[in-house]
């Protein structure tokens, strides 16, 4: 008889965050750093992105590279300089 493993549709991860500190950091993100997600054909509605880490640390590069060329390929974006709780 074949064994089938079933996984729950959702699970609670063991993380705890200070919601007030997260909200305060979120307020520090400049509106012009929120950009529309590049795969608009895959969803309806609004989906915007603000990069925390990105290729070269550039704030508008929101795609993942399949083959990073060095250990510092992904760098902190400027948001992380202001938003210390993120």
C-alpha atoms as a PDB file:
ATOM      1  CA  UNK A   1       0.000   0.000   0.000  1.00  0.00           C
ATOM      2  CA  UNK A   2       1.301   3.439  -0.950  1.00  0.00           C
ATOM      3  CA  UNK A   3       1.734   6.024   1.805  1.00  0.00           C
ATOM      4  CA  UNK A   4       0.526   9.507   0.923  1.00  0.00           C
ATOM      5  CA  UNK A   5       1.787  12.404   3.009  1.00  0.00           C
ATOM      6  CA  UNK A   6      -0.695  15.198   3.497  1.00  0.00           C
ATOM      7  CA  UNK A   7       0.330  18.702   4.456  1.00  0.00           C
ATOM      8  CA  UNK A   8      -1.879  21.355   6.031  1.00  0.00           C
ATOM      9  CA  UNK A   9      -3.025  24.257   3.870  1.00  0.00           C
ATOM     10  CA  UNK A  10      -1.443  26.621   6.377  1.00  0.00           C
ATOM     11  CA  UNK A  11       0.721  26.487   9.440  1.00  0.00           C
ATOM     12  CA  UNK A  12       1.735  28.916  12.134  1.00  0.00           C
ATOM     13  CA  UNK A  13       5.437  29.698  12.103  1.00  0.00           C
ATOM     14  CA  UNK A  14       7.198  30.342  15.411  1.00  0.00           C
ATOM     15  CA  UNK A  15       7.813  34.046  14.774  1.00  0.00           C
ATOM     16  CA  UNK A  16       6.692  36.939  16.921  1.00  0.00           C
ATOM     17  CA  UNK A  17       6.866  40.543  15.799  1.00  0.00           C
ATOM     18  CA  UNK A  18       6.189  43.868  17.436  1.00  0.00           C
ATOM     19  CA  UNK A  19       3.380  45.188  15.242  1.00  0.00           C
ATOM     20  CA  UNK A  20       3.869  48.782  16.390  1.00  0.00           C
ATOM     21  CA  UNK A  21       7.545  48.703  15.416  1.00  0.00           C
ATOM     22  CA  UNK A  22       6.720  47.104  12.050  1.00  0.00           C
ATOM     23  CA  UNK A  23       4.073  49.764  11.380  1.00  0.00           C
ATOM     24  CA  UNK A  24       6.517  52.525  12.349  1.00  0.00           C
ATOM     25  CA  UNK A  25       9.121  51.166   9.907  1.00  0.00           C
ATOM     26  CA  UNK A  26       6.491  50.846   7.192  1.00  0.00           C
ATOM     27  CA  UNK A  27       5.684  54.539   7.584  1.00  0.00           C
ATOM     28  CA  UNK A  28       9.347  55.330   6.828  1.00  0.00           C
ATOM     29  CA  UNK A  29       9.191  53.726   3.358  1.00  0.00           C
ATOM     30  CA  UNK A  30       8.939  56.496   0.774  1.00  0.00           C
ATOM     31  CA  UNK A  31       5.900  56.149  -1.465  1.00  0.00           C
ATOM     32  CA  UNK A  32       8.050  56.371  -4.597  1.00  0.00           C
ATOM     33  CA  UNK A  33       9.873  53.179  -3.534  1.00  0.00           C
ATOM     34  CA  UNK A  34       6.651  51.162  -3.863  1.00  0.00           C
ATOM     35  CA  UNK A  35       6.542  49.865  -7.421  1.00  0.00           C
ATOM     36  CA  UNK A  36       4.036  47.690  -9.233  1.00  0.00           C
ATOM     37  CA  UNK A  37       4.964  44.039  -9.384  1.00  0.00           C
ATOM     38  CA  UNK A  38       6.352  43.111 -12.800  1.00  0.00           C
ATOM     39  CA  UNK A  39       4.049  40.111 -13.380  1.00  0.00           C
ATOM     40  CA  UNK A  40       0.744  41.961 -13.677  1.00  0.00           C
ATOM     41  CA  UNK A  41      -0.719  39.267 -15.901  1.00  0.00           C
ATOM     42  CA  UNK A  42      -0.623  36.784 -13.016  1.00  0.00           C
ATOM     43  CA  UNK A  43      -2.975  38.578 -10.621  1.00  0.00           C
ATOM     44  CA  UNK A  44      -5.864  40.990 -10.417  1.00  0.00           C
ATOM     45  CA  UNK A  45      -5.967  44.046  -8.229  1.00  0.00           C
ATOM     46  CA  UNK A  46      -2.973  45.818  -6.786  1.00  0.00           C
ATOM     47  CA  UNK A  47       0.342  44.251  -5.859  1.00  0.00           C
ATOM     48  CA  UNK A  48       3.165  46.640  -5.103  1.00  0.00           C
ATOM     49  CA  UNK A  49       6.654  45.866  -3.896  1.00  0.00           C
ATOM     50  CA  UNK A  50       9.335  47.712  -1.943  1.00  0.00           C
ATOM     51  CA  UNK A  51      12.694  45.956  -2.118  1.00  0.00           C
ATOM     52  CA  UNK A  52      14.510  45.225   1.142  1.00  0.00           C
ATOM     53  CA  UNK A  53      17.351  43.297  -0.518  1.00  0.00           C
ATOM     54  CA  UNK A  54      17.931  43.286  -4.240  1.00  0.00           C
ATOM     55  CA  UNK A  55      20.468  42.815  -6.995  1.00  0.00           C
ATOM     56  CA  UNK A  56      23.151  45.385  -6.227  1.00  0.00           C
ATOM     57  CA  UNK A  57      20.936  46.961  -3.564  1.00  0.00           C
ATOM     58  CA  UNK A  58      19.008  48.889  -6.211  1.00  0.00           C
ATOM     59  CA  UNK A  59      15.591  49.877  -4.794  1.00  0.00           C
ATOM     60  CA  UNK A  60      13.614  49.199  -7.969  1.00  0.00           C
ATOM     61  CA  UNK A  61      15.103  45.826  -8.908  1.00  0.00           C
ATOM     62  CA  UNK A  62      12.474  43.386  -7.644  1.00  0.00           C
ATOM     63  CA  UNK A  63      13.250  40.259  -9.625  1.00  0.00           C
ATOM     64  CA  UNK A  64      15.344  37.347  -8.477  1.00  0.00           C
ATOM     65  CA  UNK A  65      18.362  36.369 -10.499  1.00  0.00           C
ATOM     66  CA  UNK A  66      18.636  32.656 -11.213  1.00  0.00           C
ATOM     67  CA  UNK A  67      22.435  32.693 -11.081  1.00  0.00           C
ATOM     68  CA  UNK A  68      23.997  35.155  -8.622  1.00  0.00           C
ATOM     69  CA  UNK A  69      27.574  35.815  -9.679  1.00  0.00           C
ATOM     70  CA  UNK A  70      29.080  36.580  -6.253  1.00  0.00           C
ATOM     71  CA  UNK A  71      28.374  36.334  -2.545  1.00  0.00           C
ATOM     72  CA  UNK A  72      27.424  40.036  -2.407  1.00  0.00           C
ATOM     73  CA  UNK A  73      25.185  39.905  -5.474  1.00  0.00           C
ATOM     74  CA  UNK A  74      22.121  40.628  -3.323  1.00  0.00           C
ATOM     75  CA  UNK A  75      22.633  43.690  -1.158  1.00  0.00           C
ATOM     76  CA  UNK A  76      20.554  45.690   1.283  1.00  0.00           C
ATOM     77  CA  UNK A  77      18.378  48.265  -0.408  1.00  0.00           C
ATOM     78  CA  UNK A  78      18.311  51.815   1.053  1.00  0.00           C
ATOM     79  CA  UNK A  79      15.062  51.052   2.908  1.00  0.00           C
ATOM     80  CA  UNK A  80      16.964  48.912   5.394  1.00  0.00           C
ATOM     81  CA  UNK A  81      19.137  51.869   6.390  1.00  0.00           C
ATOM     82  CA  UNK A  82      16.059  53.728   7.648  1.00  0.00           C
ATOM     83  CA  UNK A  83      13.926  50.818   8.782  1.00  0.00           C
ATOM     84  CA  UNK A  84      15.923  49.173  11.524  1.00  0.00           C
ATOM     85  CA  UNK A  85      13.196  46.815  12.732  1.00  0.00           C
ATOM     86  CA  UNK A  86      12.617  45.238   9.317  1.00  0.00           C
END
